[in-house]
Protein backbone atom coordinates (compact mmCIF):
# COMPACT_ATOMS: atom_id res chain seq x y z
CA MET A 1 -88.55 -36.77 163.91
CA ASN A 2 -87.42 -33.44 165.27
CA ALA A 3 -88.01 -29.92 164.01
CA GLY A 4 -85.92 -29.32 160.92
CA ASP A 5 -85.82 -32.97 159.85
CA LEU A 6 -86.22 -33.64 156.16
CA VAL A 7 -89.77 -34.89 155.55
CA MET A 8 -90.19 -34.98 151.76
CA THR A 9 -88.14 -34.71 148.57
CA ALA A 10 -89.50 -34.79 145.07
CA GLU A 11 -87.33 -34.68 141.95
CA HIS A 12 -88.26 -33.83 138.35
CA LEU A 13 -91.95 -34.66 138.74
CA SER A 14 -93.87 -34.71 135.46
CA VAL A 15 -97.53 -35.56 134.76
CA LYS A 16 -99.20 -35.63 131.38
CA PHE A 17 -102.94 -35.74 130.57
CA CYS A 18 -104.68 -36.75 127.36
CA LYS A 19 -107.34 -34.40 126.03
CA ASP A 20 -109.24 -37.21 124.28
CA LEU A 21 -111.09 -39.65 126.59
CA LYS A 22 -110.97 -42.72 124.33
CA ARG A 23 -107.31 -42.20 123.55
CA SER A 24 -106.60 -41.69 127.21
CA LEU A 25 -108.18 -45.04 128.12
CA TRP A 26 -106.13 -46.75 125.39
CA TYR A 27 -102.91 -45.16 126.65
CA GLY A 28 -103.82 -46.23 130.17
CA ALA A 29 -104.36 -49.83 129.11
CA LYS A 30 -101.01 -49.87 127.29
CA ASP A 31 -99.20 -48.41 130.27
CA ILE A 32 -100.73 -50.99 132.65
CA ALA A 33 -99.80 -53.83 130.29
CA ARG A 34 -96.22 -52.50 130.07
CA GLU A 35 -95.92 -52.35 133.89
CA LEU A 36 -97.34 -55.88 134.33
CA SER A 37 -94.85 -57.23 131.82
CA GLY A 38 -91.98 -55.70 133.77
CA ARG A 39 -90.74 -53.55 130.93
CA ALA A 40 -88.94 -50.35 131.80
CA ALA A 41 -90.90 -47.12 131.51
CA PRO A 42 -90.10 -45.12 128.40
CA GLU A 43 -88.87 -41.54 128.52
CA PRO A 44 -91.83 -39.30 129.50
CA LEU A 45 -92.53 -37.94 126.03
CA LEU A 46 -95.89 -36.63 124.83
CA ARG A 47 -98.09 -38.84 122.69
CA GLU A 48 -100.86 -37.60 120.37
CA GLN A 49 -103.47 -35.44 122.18
CA GLU A 50 -101.36 -35.36 125.37
CA ILE A 51 -100.28 -32.23 127.27
CA TRP A 52 -98.02 -31.62 130.24
CA ALA A 53 -100.12 -30.84 133.36
CA LEU A 54 -96.87 -30.67 135.34
CA ARG A 55 -93.33 -30.64 134.03
CA ASP A 56 -90.04 -31.19 135.85
CA ALA A 57 -90.99 -29.89 139.31
CA SER A 58 -88.60 -30.53 142.16
CA LEU A 59 -88.96 -29.64 145.86
CA SER A 60 -87.83 -30.64 149.35
CA LEU A 61 -89.37 -29.74 152.70
CA ARG A 62 -88.29 -29.98 156.31
CA ARG A 63 -90.44 -30.04 159.43
CA GLY A 64 -91.54 -26.45 160.16
CA GLU A 65 -91.44 -25.36 156.53
CA CYS A 66 -94.41 -24.40 154.40
CA LEU A 67 -94.21 -24.30 150.58
CA GLY A 68 -96.84 -22.07 149.00
CA VAL A 69 -97.86 -23.13 145.51
CA VAL A 70 -99.61 -20.51 143.36
CA GLY A 71 -100.46 -19.95 139.74
CA PRO A 72 -103.33 -19.26 137.32
CA ASN A 73 -106.18 -21.72 136.93
CA GLY A 74 -104.90 -24.81 135.07
CA ALA A 75 -101.25 -24.15 136.04
CA GLY A 76 -100.81 -27.60 137.66
CA LYS A 77 -101.18 -26.75 141.36
CA SER A 78 -103.81 -29.38 142.21
CA THR A 79 -102.05 -31.89 140.01
CA LEU A 80 -98.90 -31.44 142.10
CA LEU A 81 -100.79 -32.03 145.33
CA ARG A 82 -102.51 -35.16 143.94
CA VAL A 83 -99.15 -36.55 142.86
CA LEU A 84 -97.66 -35.91 146.27
CA SER A 85 -100.68 -37.51 147.99
CA GLY A 86 -100.49 -40.61 145.79
CA ILE A 87 -103.79 -40.06 143.94
CA PHE A 88 -101.93 -39.57 140.61
CA LYS A 89 -98.88 -41.53 139.58
CA PRO A 90 -96.22 -39.29 138.02
CA ASP A 91 -95.11 -40.00 134.46
CA GLY A 92 -91.60 -38.99 135.41
CA GLY A 93 -89.58 -38.27 138.51
CA ARG A 94 -89.54 -39.70 142.01
CA ILE A 95 -90.97 -38.86 145.49
CA ALA A 96 -89.62 -39.86 148.91
CA ILE A 97 -91.68 -39.11 152.05
CA ARG A 98 -90.67 -39.86 155.63
CA GLY A 99 -93.66 -40.27 157.92
CA ARG A 100 -97.42 -39.92 157.67
CA THR A 101 -99.06 -37.81 154.96
CA GLY A 102 -102.33 -35.95 155.44
CA ALA A 103 -104.20 -34.37 152.53
CA LEU A 104 -106.91 -31.67 152.85
CA LEU A 105 -107.97 -31.53 149.25
CA GLU A 106 -111.74 -31.14 149.57
CA LEU A 107 -113.38 -30.25 152.86
CA GLY A 108 -116.34 -32.41 153.76
CA THR A 109 -115.39 -35.40 151.63
CA GLY A 110 -117.50 -38.29 153.00
CA PHE A 111 -120.11 -36.08 154.69
CA ASN A 112 -123.63 -37.57 154.60
CA THR A 113 -126.19 -34.83 154.96
CA THR A 114 -128.89 -37.13 156.34
CA LEU A 115 -126.69 -38.08 159.29
CA SER A 116 -125.98 -35.95 162.31
CA GLY A 117 -122.86 -33.85 162.80
CA ARG A 118 -121.64 -36.31 165.42
CA GLU A 119 -121.89 -39.24 163.04
CA ASN A 120 -120.18 -37.29 160.28
CA VAL A 121 -117.28 -36.39 162.57
CA TYR A 122 -116.48 -40.12 162.87
CA ILE A 123 -117.04 -40.84 159.20
CA ASN A 124 -114.95 -37.90 158.03
CA GLY A 125 -112.21 -38.65 160.58
CA VAL A 126 -111.91 -42.19 159.22
CA VAL A 127 -111.80 -40.85 155.64
CA LEU A 128 -108.83 -38.64 156.65
CA GLY A 129 -107.01 -41.63 158.20
CA MET A 130 -107.81 -41.24 161.93
CA THR A 131 -108.75 -44.22 164.12
CA ARG A 132 -111.96 -44.31 166.16
CA ARG A 133 -109.88 -44.09 169.36
CA GLU A 134 -108.19 -40.88 168.05
CA ILE A 135 -111.59 -39.40 167.20
CA ASP A 136 -113.00 -40.32 170.61
CA ARG A 137 -110.09 -38.58 172.31
CA LYS A 138 -110.41 -35.41 170.19
CA PHE A 139 -114.20 -35.23 169.76
CA ASP A 140 -114.86 -32.51 172.33
CA GLU A 141 -112.04 -30.36 170.93
CA ILE A 142 -113.45 -30.76 167.41
CA VAL A 143 -116.91 -29.62 168.50
CA ASP A 144 -115.57 -26.73 170.53
CA PHE A 145 -113.41 -25.49 167.66
CA SER A 146 -116.27 -25.72 165.14
CA GLU A 147 -118.58 -23.63 167.36
CA ILE A 148 -121.62 -25.74 166.50
CA GLY A 149 -122.02 -27.51 169.82
CA PRO A 150 -125.83 -27.05 170.17
CA PHE A 151 -126.33 -28.59 166.68
CA ILE A 152 -123.88 -31.47 166.77
CA ASP A 153 -126.68 -34.06 166.96
CA SER A 154 -128.80 -32.39 164.25
CA PRO A 155 -128.73 -33.64 160.61
CA VAL A 156 -126.04 -31.94 158.54
CA LYS A 157 -128.70 -31.08 155.94
CA SER A 158 -130.08 -28.56 158.46
CA TYR A 159 -126.68 -26.76 158.71
CA SER A 160 -125.77 -23.70 156.79
CA SER A 161 -122.89 -24.14 154.30
CA GLY A 162 -120.63 -22.26 156.70
CA MET A 163 -121.47 -24.55 159.63
CA ALA A 164 -120.74 -27.66 157.58
CA LEU A 165 -117.40 -26.25 156.40
CA ARG A 166 -116.46 -25.28 159.95
CA LEU A 167 -117.13 -28.80 161.18
CA ALA A 168 -115.16 -30.34 158.30
CA PHE A 169 -112.21 -28.04 158.93
CA SER A 170 -112.29 -28.76 162.65
CA VAL A 171 -112.04 -32.49 161.97
CA ALA A 172 -109.23 -31.99 159.46
CA MET A 173 -107.21 -29.89 161.90
CA GLN A 174 -107.00 -32.82 164.33
CA MET A 175 -104.76 -34.76 162.00
CA GLU A 176 -101.15 -35.16 163.11
CA PRO A 177 -99.23 -35.84 159.91
CA ASP A 178 -95.61 -35.34 159.12
CA LEU A 179 -96.49 -33.90 155.72
CA LEU A 180 -99.71 -31.96 155.25
CA LEU A 181 -101.08 -31.14 151.77
CA ILE A 182 -103.65 -28.32 151.67
CA ASP A 183 -105.71 -27.22 148.67
CA GLU A 184 -107.50 -23.86 149.13
CA ILE A 185 -109.42 -24.55 152.33
CA LEU A 186 -108.81 -21.50 154.56
CA ALA A 187 -111.71 -19.43 153.16
CA VAL A 188 -114.14 -20.95 155.65
CA GLY A 189 -116.46 -19.28 158.13
CA ASP A 190 -116.58 -15.68 159.29
CA VAL A 191 -113.71 -13.38 160.23
CA GLY A 192 -113.46 -14.70 163.78
CA PHE A 193 -113.34 -18.34 162.71
CA ARG A 194 -110.77 -17.64 160.01
CA ALA A 195 -108.54 -16.03 162.67
CA LYS A 196 -108.76 -19.25 164.73
CA CYS A 197 -107.88 -21.27 161.58
CA TYR A 198 -104.73 -19.22 161.01
CA LEU A 199 -103.59 -19.71 164.63
CA ARG A 200 -104.22 -23.43 164.40
CA MET A 201 -102.34 -23.69 161.11
CA GLU A 202 -99.39 -21.80 162.53
CA ARG A 203 -99.21 -24.17 165.51
CA LEU A 204 -99.49 -27.13 163.15
CA LEU A 205 -96.54 -25.81 161.10
CA SER A 206 -94.23 -26.28 164.06
CA ARG A 207 -94.90 -30.04 163.98
CA CYS A 208 -94.96 -30.90 160.28
CA ALA A 209 -94.08 -29.80 156.75
CA VAL A 210 -96.83 -28.22 154.64
CA VAL A 211 -97.53 -27.81 150.93
CA PHE A 212 -100.19 -25.09 150.65
CA VAL A 213 -102.06 -24.28 147.42
CA SER A 214 -104.03 -21.06 147.40
CA HIS A 215 -105.27 -18.20 145.19
CA SER A 216 -105.13 -15.83 148.18
CA MET A 217 -101.79 -14.05 148.17
CA SER A 218 -102.43 -12.70 151.71
CA GLN A 219 -102.72 -16.32 153.00
CA VAL A 220 -99.62 -17.33 151.11
CA ALA A 221 -97.61 -14.41 152.45
CA ARG A 222 -98.72 -15.17 156.02
CA LEU A 223 -98.09 -18.92 156.09
CA SER A 224 -95.37 -19.74 153.55
CA THR A 225 -91.64 -19.95 154.12
CA SER A 226 -90.99 -20.49 150.41
CA LEU A 227 -92.96 -20.17 147.21
CA MET A 228 -93.43 -22.06 143.95
CA VAL A 229 -95.14 -20.32 141.03
CA LEU A 230 -96.54 -22.57 138.28
CA ASP A 231 -97.70 -21.53 134.84
CA ARG A 232 -99.08 -24.12 132.36
CA GLY A 233 -97.33 -26.91 134.23
CA GLN A 234 -93.91 -25.19 134.35
CA VAL A 235 -92.14 -23.85 137.43
CA VAL A 236 -91.52 -20.14 136.67
CA TYR A 237 -90.35 -19.15 140.15
CA GLN A 238 -89.16 -21.07 143.20
CA GLY A 239 -87.47 -19.63 146.23
CA ARG A 240 -87.64 -18.25 149.79
CA ASP A 241 -88.31 -14.64 148.72
CA VAL A 242 -92.08 -14.98 149.06
CA PRO A 243 -93.03 -11.37 148.17
CA ARG A 244 -90.93 -11.54 145.00
CA GLY A 245 -92.65 -14.79 144.08
CA VAL A 246 -96.04 -13.21 144.73
CA GLU A 247 -95.16 -10.42 142.30
CA LYS A 248 -94.03 -13.04 139.72
CA TYR A 249 -97.51 -14.58 140.12
CA TYR A 250 -99.18 -11.23 139.47
CA SER A 251 -97.02 -10.69 136.36
CA LEU A 252 -98.60 -13.75 134.71
CA PHE A 253 -101.80 -11.80 134.26
CA GLY A 254 -102.33 -9.22 131.52
CA LYS A 255 -103.13 -5.55 131.81
CA SER A 256 -106.45 -4.77 133.53
CA GLY A 257 -109.12 -3.14 131.40
CA SER A 258 -110.87 0.05 132.42
CA THR A 259 -114.54 0.16 133.34
CA ALA A 260 -117.34 2.43 132.15
CA GLY A 261 -118.00 3.74 135.63
CA ILE A 262 -121.00 3.83 137.95
CA GLY A 263 -123.20 6.88 138.56
CA GLU A 264 -124.59 9.63 136.36
CA GLY A 265 -123.03 12.62 138.12
CA ALA A 266 -119.83 12.65 136.04
CA ARG A 267 -117.70 10.89 133.42
CA ILE A 268 -113.96 10.28 133.79
CA GLU A 269 -112.22 11.16 130.53
CA SER A 270 -108.66 10.33 131.48
CA LEU A 271 -106.24 9.86 134.35
CA ARG A 272 -102.55 10.23 133.49
CA VAL A 273 -99.79 8.98 135.75
CA GLU A 274 -96.37 10.61 135.17
CA GLY A 275 -93.15 10.06 137.05
CA SER A 276 -90.37 12.65 137.35
CA ALA A 277 -87.65 10.26 136.08
CA GLY A 278 -89.33 9.72 132.69
CA LEU A 279 -88.88 5.92 132.69
CA PRO A 280 -90.05 4.15 129.52
CA PRO A 281 -93.38 2.34 129.76
CA THR A 282 -93.70 -1.42 130.00
CA ALA A 283 -94.15 -3.60 126.95
CA ASP A 284 -97.94 -3.27 127.16
CA GLY A 285 -97.79 0.54 127.44
CA THR A 286 -98.26 0.76 131.20
CA PRO A 287 -96.56 3.77 132.84
CA ARG A 288 -93.48 2.80 134.87
CA LEU A 289 -92.33 4.52 138.05
CA GLY A 290 -89.32 4.11 140.29
CA CYS A 291 -89.62 3.42 143.98
CA ARG A 292 -90.27 6.72 145.88
CA GLU A 293 -90.11 8.66 142.61
CA PRO A 294 -92.11 11.89 142.69
CA LEU A 295 -95.17 11.64 140.49
CA THR A 296 -98.15 13.62 139.29
CA LEU A 297 -101.65 12.47 138.51
CA THR A 298 -103.68 14.55 136.08
CA LEU A 299 -107.41 13.94 135.93
CA ASP A 300 -109.88 15.10 133.29
CA ALA A 301 -113.58 14.70 133.96
CA ALA A 302 -116.93 15.89 132.61
CA ILE A 303 -119.15 16.94 135.54
CA SER A 304 -122.93 16.77 135.10
CA ALA A 305 -124.10 17.81 138.60
CA PRO A 306 -125.48 21.35 138.36
CA GLY A 307 -125.97 23.10 141.61
CA ARG A 308 -123.41 20.93 143.42
CA ARG A 309 -119.83 21.45 144.50
CA THR A 310 -117.72 18.44 143.61
CA ARG A 311 -114.30 17.06 144.52
CA PHE A 312 -112.23 14.06 143.52
CA SER A 313 -110.90 11.04 145.43
CA LEU A 314 -108.32 8.55 144.17
CA LEU A 315 -108.15 5.01 145.56
CA PHE A 316 -105.08 2.84 144.93
CA HIS A 317 -105.73 -0.91 144.55
CA ASP A 318 -103.38 -3.88 144.24
CA ARG A 319 -103.90 -6.62 141.63
CA GLU A 320 -106.42 -8.35 143.89
CA THR A 321 -108.52 -5.15 143.95
CA ARG A 322 -107.77 -4.56 147.63
CA GLY A 323 -107.73 -0.88 148.52
CA ILE A 324 -104.33 0.04 150.03
CA ALA A 325 -104.24 3.86 149.96
CA GLN A 326 -106.46 6.85 149.24
CA LEU A 327 -105.77 10.40 148.11
CA ASN A 328 -108.57 12.90 148.68
CA MET A 329 -108.97 16.40 147.35
CA LYS A 330 -109.47 18.58 150.41
CA LEU A 331 -108.76 22.20 149.68
CA THR A 332 -110.31 22.62 146.21
CA ALA A 333 -113.85 21.91 144.95
CA PHE A 334 -115.54 22.57 141.63
CA SER A 335 -118.98 24.10 141.23
CA GLY A 336 -121.56 23.34 138.58
CA ALA A 337 -121.33 21.25 135.38
CA GLY A 338 -118.71 21.15 132.61
CA ARG A 339 -115.26 19.77 131.99
CA GLN A 340 -112.87 19.90 134.91
CA ARG A 341 -109.13 19.16 135.25
CA ALA A 342 -107.23 18.56 138.46
CA ARG A 343 -103.65 17.62 139.21
CA ALA A 344 -102.30 15.86 142.29
CA THR A 345 -98.60 15.74 143.16
CA LEU A 346 -96.91 13.21 145.41
CA PRO A 347 -93.36 14.57 146.03
CA GLY A 348 -92.31 11.39 147.90
CA GLY A 349 -93.88 8.95 145.47
CA VAL A 350 -95.92 6.02 146.72
CA PRO A 351 -94.44 3.79 149.49
CA PHE A 352 -95.65 0.56 147.95
CA ASN A 353 -94.04 -2.80 147.19
CA PRO A 354 -92.81 -3.10 143.58
CA GLY A 355 -95.56 -4.34 141.34
CA ARG A 356 -98.68 -3.35 139.38
CA TYR A 357 -101.27 -1.03 140.87
CA LEU A 358 -104.66 0.26 139.75
CA ILE A 359 -106.31 3.62 140.52
CA ALA A 360 -110.03 4.17 140.93
CA VAL A 361 -111.57 7.68 140.68
CA SER A 362 -114.59 8.86 142.59
CA VAL A 363 -116.42 12.17 142.12
CA LEU A 364 -118.06 13.26 145.34
CA ASP A 365 -120.42 15.97 146.50
CA ALA A 366 -118.07 18.23 148.43
CA ASP A 367 -120.74 19.14 151.00
CA THR A 368 -122.47 15.81 151.70
CA GLY A 369 -119.80 13.27 150.73
CA GLU A 370 -122.21 11.49 148.39
CA ILE A 371 -120.51 9.58 145.61
CA LEU A 372 -121.77 10.88 142.27
CA HIS A 373 -119.63 8.71 139.99
CA THR A 374 -116.94 6.01 140.41
CA GLN A 375 -114.68 4.54 137.73
CA HIS A 376 -112.53 1.56 138.70
CA ASN A 377 -109.28 0.82 136.86
CA ALA A 378 -109.12 4.40 135.55
CA ALA A 379 -105.34 4.08 135.40
CA GLU A 380 -102.66 1.43 135.96
CA PHE A 381 -98.96 1.78 136.65
CA GLN A 382 -95.91 -0.43 137.29
CA LEU A 383 -93.74 0.39 140.30
CA ASP A 384 -90.13 -0.79 140.02
CA GLY A 385 -87.80 -1.47 142.97
CA GLU A 386 -85.61 -4.00 144.61
CA PHE A 387 -87.13 -4.40 148.08
CA PHE A 388 -90.20 -6.59 148.46
CA GLY A 389 -91.96 -6.60 151.85
CA GLN A 390 -94.64 -8.79 153.34
CA THR A 391 -97.27 -6.04 153.07
CA PRO A 392 -98.29 -3.73 150.20
CA VAL A 393 -97.16 -0.52 151.94
CA GLN A 394 -93.63 0.04 153.21
CA LEU A 395 -93.23 2.84 155.76
CA ASP A 396 -90.14 4.97 156.29
CA GLY A 397 -88.92 5.46 159.85
CA GLU A 398 -85.87 6.41 161.85
CA TRP A 399 -84.47 3.67 164.05
CA GLU A 400 -82.09 3.82 167.00
CA ILE A 401 -80.26 1.12 168.93
CA LEU A 402 -80.85 1.39 172.70
CA ASP A 403 -79.00 -0.14 175.60
CA GLU A 404 -80.75 -1.90 178.49
CA ASN A 405 -81.34 1.44 180.22
CA GLY A 406 -83.11 2.86 177.20
CA HIS A 407 -80.24 5.13 176.13
CA VAL A 408 -78.93 5.40 172.58
CA ASP A 409 -76.16 2.91 172.15
């Protein structure tokens, strides 16, 4: 097959589980008896104690496409992969796959810790569907990629957990499927090894179609060409606007609670976020701002650091608690103990993607930079807007079109 060829279609997939073990066994026996007798399957309706683990999911993928699948725990992501890989039989719907399927659901499946890394490469390769001849041909590349060459003939039980995962991932990356199913496996090794994994995955994408389940939105945004968001078995978003789908995923989680703070040098009493447009708050009371809307942040704190000059620092986080911007007080500092109030103004607003953001407050010694107190989640706000980019911060710039001589066209 060539790039762009249709690899897989799935229509109206539904899977139900029974919460009671004995009843589940009884239902299973009845279903097997019905199939053996040749009777048609009934409509996929729930029986007593059954729930939908996946309901009416449809998708299609061509070579070179990667579908990211995200959702809260228990949303049905792994169930979808196990249906597509043939481990689970769907209770409703149909699947058509052209070509060879590879599934990376659990790294290291089949590893025997008493055997050497070399022996486990062959065992794990066979588990993943490779022939001994294929493994022979790719063995040196597997060892080189894993970066454990000096230890390849040592027992796996002497490896660190990172070494074992790197070897398992290196074996898995030698598969050459038409459809590749991946369940949360890219968090392996150190920063350098993860960078190699991303490059290998991107090369692999040019040769096959991928369904990629992950809780890491940065991985999803980097690799996916389309996104499916699941919640309690239901598809709540599906489309090629990956950043918008990521924000839909974040919206499934409730408002973050504030923390008591760390450090005895101060206590944060309040942090108010106010936009100039006066937009109404969200349903849960979170302040709402428009994109690039001027805003003010008013901070009240009780300082208990006599003899020190103090200043404030605000750190903006996304919903995965990643710091994306910082606002430091530079020109003003407070001296001594007591209640202090400060106001920061951002005339151009915040250049972030639409979504929910959290603000942490730190009280620092103005002379030494020592952090006297930090409170995470001191405030939260919702940023509205239409444009979703691939990164949290969207910069403004002036562009010009140039001709081949470098002159403005």
